[in-house]
C-alpha atoms as a PDB file:
ATOM      1  CA  MET A   1      83.184  98.454  99.831  1.00  0.00           C
ATOM      2  CA  ASN A   2      81.616  98.788  96.509  1.00  0.00           C
ATOM      3  CA  VAL A   3      83.697 100.160  93.532  1.00  0.00           C
ATOM      4  CA  GLU A   4      81.719 101.427  90.480  1.00  0.00           C
ATOM      5  CA  THR A   5      83.580 102.500  87.311  1.00  0.00           C
ATOM      6  CA  SER A   6      81.841 104.392  84.559  1.00  0.00           C
ATOM      7  CA  THR A   7      83.191 105.720  81.319  1.00  0.00           C
ATOM      8  CA  ILE A   8      82.302 108.690  79.580  1.00  0.00           C
ATOM      9  CA  THR A   9      83.476 110.554  76.373  1.00  0.00           C
ATOM     10  CA  LEU A  10      83.709 114.178  76.693  1.00  0.00           C
ATOM     11  CA  SER A  11      82.394 116.458  73.924  1.00  0.00           C
ATOM     12  CA  ALA A  12      83.521 119.500  75.325  1.00  0.00           C
ATOM     13  CA  GLN A  13      85.299 121.175  78.320  1.00  0.00           C
ATOM     14  CA  LEU A  14      83.117 122.298  81.061  1.00  0.00           C
ATOM     15  CA  ASN A  15      82.992 125.920  82.331  1.00  0.00           C
ATOM     16  CA  MET A  16      83.889 127.069  85.660  1.00  0.00           C
ATOM     17  CA  ASN A  17      80.071 126.999  86.902  1.00  0.00           C
ATOM     18  CA  SER A  18      79.729 123.229  85.866  1.00  0.00           C
ATOM     19  CA  LEU A  19      83.129 122.385  87.443  1.00  0.00           C
ATOM     20  CA  MET A  20      81.972 123.928  90.676  1.00  0.00           C
ATOM     21  CA  ALA A  21      78.557 122.212  90.428  1.00  0.00           C
ATOM     22  CA  PHE A  22      80.434 119.000  89.647  1.00  0.00           C
ATOM     23  CA  VAL A  23      82.231 119.093  92.845  1.00  0.00           C
ATOM     24  CA  LYS A  24      79.475 120.222  94.920  1.00  0.00           C
ATOM     25  CA  LYS A  25      77.303 117.183  93.590  1.00  0.00           C
ATOM     26  CA  ALA A  26      80.306 114.774  94.039  1.00  0.00           C
ATOM     27  CA  LYS A  27      80.561 116.134  97.693  1.00  0.00           C
ATOM     28  CA  THR A  28      76.768 114.868  98.402  1.00  0.00           C
ATOM     29  CA  PHE A  29      77.961 111.273  98.196  1.00  0.00           C
ATOM     30  CA  HIS A  30      79.837 109.238 100.981  1.00  0.00           C
ATOM     31  CA  SER A  31      81.815 107.519  98.306  1.00  0.00           C
ATOM     32  CA  HIS A  32      85.282 108.671  97.423  1.00  0.00           C
ATOM     33  CA  ILE A  33      85.030 109.945  93.876  1.00  0.00           C
ATOM     34  CA  SER A  34      87.822 109.832  91.362  1.00  0.00           C
ATOM     35  CA  LEU A  35      88.321 110.929  87.694  1.00  0.00           C
ATOM     36  CA  TYR A  36      90.927 108.937  85.800  1.00  0.00           C
ATOM     37  CA  ARG A  37      92.467 109.750  82.454  1.00  0.00           C
ATOM     38  CA  ASN A  38      95.791 108.682  80.689  1.00  0.00           C
ATOM     39  CA  GLY A  39      97.333 107.371  83.781  1.00  0.00           C
ATOM     40  CA  HIS A  40      96.319 110.278  86.001  1.00  0.00           C
ATOM     41  CA  SER A  41      93.768 110.065  88.923  1.00  0.00           C
ATOM     42  CA  ILE A  42      92.306 113.113  90.726  1.00  0.00           C
ATOM     43  CA  ASN A  43      89.939 113.536  93.766  1.00  0.00           C
ATOM     44  CA  GLY A  44      86.721 114.555  92.266  1.00  0.00           C
ATOM     45  CA  LYS A  45      85.683 116.335  95.394  1.00  0.00           C
ATOM     46  CA  ASN A  46      88.623 118.499  95.138  1.00  0.00           C
ATOM     47  CA  LEU A  47      87.719 121.844  93.031  1.00  0.00           C
ATOM     48  CA  THR A  48      91.424 122.649  92.344  1.00  0.00           C
ATOM     49  CA  SER A  49      92.186 119.248  91.164  1.00  0.00           C
ATOM     50  CA  VAL A  50      89.168 119.215  88.962  1.00  0.00           C
ATOM     51  CA  ILE A  51      89.831 122.334  87.275  1.00  0.00           C
ATOM     52  CA  THR A  52      93.396 121.359  86.558  1.00  0.00           C
ATOM     53  CA  PHE A  53      92.181 118.073  85.270  1.00  0.00           C
ATOM     54  CA  ASN A  54      89.589 119.779  82.947  1.00  0.00           C
ATOM     55  CA  LEU A  55      92.407 122.012  81.593  1.00  0.00           C
ATOM     56  CA  THR A  56      93.940 118.769  80.247  1.00  0.00           C
ATOM     57  CA  VAL A  57      90.705 117.221  78.835  1.00  0.00           C
ATOM     58  CA  LYS A  58      90.490 117.566  74.934  1.00  0.00           C
ATOM     59  CA  GLU A  59      87.079 116.951  72.866  1.00  0.00           C
ATOM     60  CA  ASN A  60      86.428 113.424  72.679  1.00  0.00           C
ATOM     61  CA  ASP A  61      88.701 112.283  75.580  1.00  0.00           C
ATOM     62  CA  THR A  62      87.413 109.351  77.406  1.00  0.00           C
ATOM     63  CA  ILE A  63      87.720 109.586  81.296  1.00  0.00           C
ATOM     64  CA  LEU A  64      86.648 107.127  84.029  1.00  0.00           C
ATOM     65  CA  VAL A  65      84.407 108.084  86.796  1.00  0.00           C
ATOM     66  CA  ILE A  66      85.344 105.831  89.785  1.00  0.00           C
ATOM     67  CA  ALA A  67      83.343 105.772  93.072  1.00  0.00           C
ATOM     68  CA  ASP A  68      84.399 103.658  95.867  1.00  0.00           C
ATOM     69  CA  GLY A  69      82.208 103.432  98.836  1.00  0.00           C
ATOM     70  CA  GLU A  70      78.801 102.563 100.280  1.00  0.00           C
ATOM     71  CA  ASP A  71      76.763 104.677  97.480  1.00  0.00           C
ATOM     72  CA  ALA A  72      79.224 103.774  94.693  1.00  0.00           C
ATOM     73  CA  GLN A  73      76.676 102.582  92.320  1.00  0.00           C
ATOM     74  CA  GLU A  74      74.310 105.606  92.749  1.00  0.00           C
ATOM     75  CA  ALA A  75      77.214 108.227  92.682  1.00  0.00           C
ATOM     76  CA  SER A  76      78.600 106.786  89.624  1.00  0.00           C
ATOM     77  CA  MET A  77      75.309 106.740  87.847  1.00  0.00           C
ATOM     78  CA  GLN A  78      74.404 110.244  88.975  1.00  0.00           C
ATOM     79  CA  LEU A  79      77.613 111.812  88.174  1.00  0.00           C
ATOM     80  CA  VAL A  80      78.063 110.359  84.729  1.00  0.00           C
ATOM     81  CA  GLU A  81      74.441 111.201  83.978  1.00  0.00           C
ATOM     82  CA  TRP A  82      75.010 115.034  85.148  1.00  0.00           C
ATOM     83  CA  LEU A  83      78.154 115.180  82.974  1.00  0.00           C
ATOM     84  CA  GLN A  84      76.386 114.039  79.890  1.00  0.00           C
ATOM     85  CA  ASN A  85      73.749 116.706  80.572  1.00  0.00           C
ATOM     86  CA  GLU A  86      76.186 119.332  81.089  1.00  0.00           C
ATOM     87  CA  MET A  87      78.022 118.621  77.822  1.00  0.00           C
ATOM     88  CA  ILE A  88      74.693 118.714  75.932  1.00  0.00           C
ATOM     89  CA  SER A  89      74.054 121.992  77.443  1.00  0.00           C
ATOM     90  CA  GLU A  90      77.408 123.276  76.691  1.00  0.00           C
ATOM     91  CA  LYS A  91      77.210 122.543  72.879  1.00  0.00           C
ATOM     92  CA  GLU A  92      73.651 124.208  72.861  1.00  0.00           C
ATOM     93  CA  GLU A  93      75.135 127.254  74.437  1.00  0.00           C
ATOM     94  CA  MET A  94      78.179 127.355  71.943  1.00  0.00           C
ATOM     95  CA  LEU A  95      75.655 127.096  69.059  1.00  0.00           C
ATOM     96  CA  SER A  96      73.547 129.709  70.221  1.00  0.00           C
ATOM     97  CA  LEU A  97      76.417 131.874  70.243  1.00  0.00           C
ATOM     98  CA  MET A  98      77.204 131.512  66.553  1.00  0.00           C
END
């Protein structure tokens, strides 16, 4: 089994659509996906867990994305890249509302 760990610093909380899209994307991988922060780890393929986790995240928090399985490297890379893109679009949305 491969385990791949990536770190990402969050610049914004994600909205509900983004959370649902993250879980949907995570479910496309065979690997087990975990999100880890401050001693707490959750299943990245469980929407309820991801929503609850997102509520505890503050701007500039660093989380770990842990993928464990045959496609761990691909899963970790794609999910972190996806999260980075989502945060950029969240920031742009907030700026356009001002």
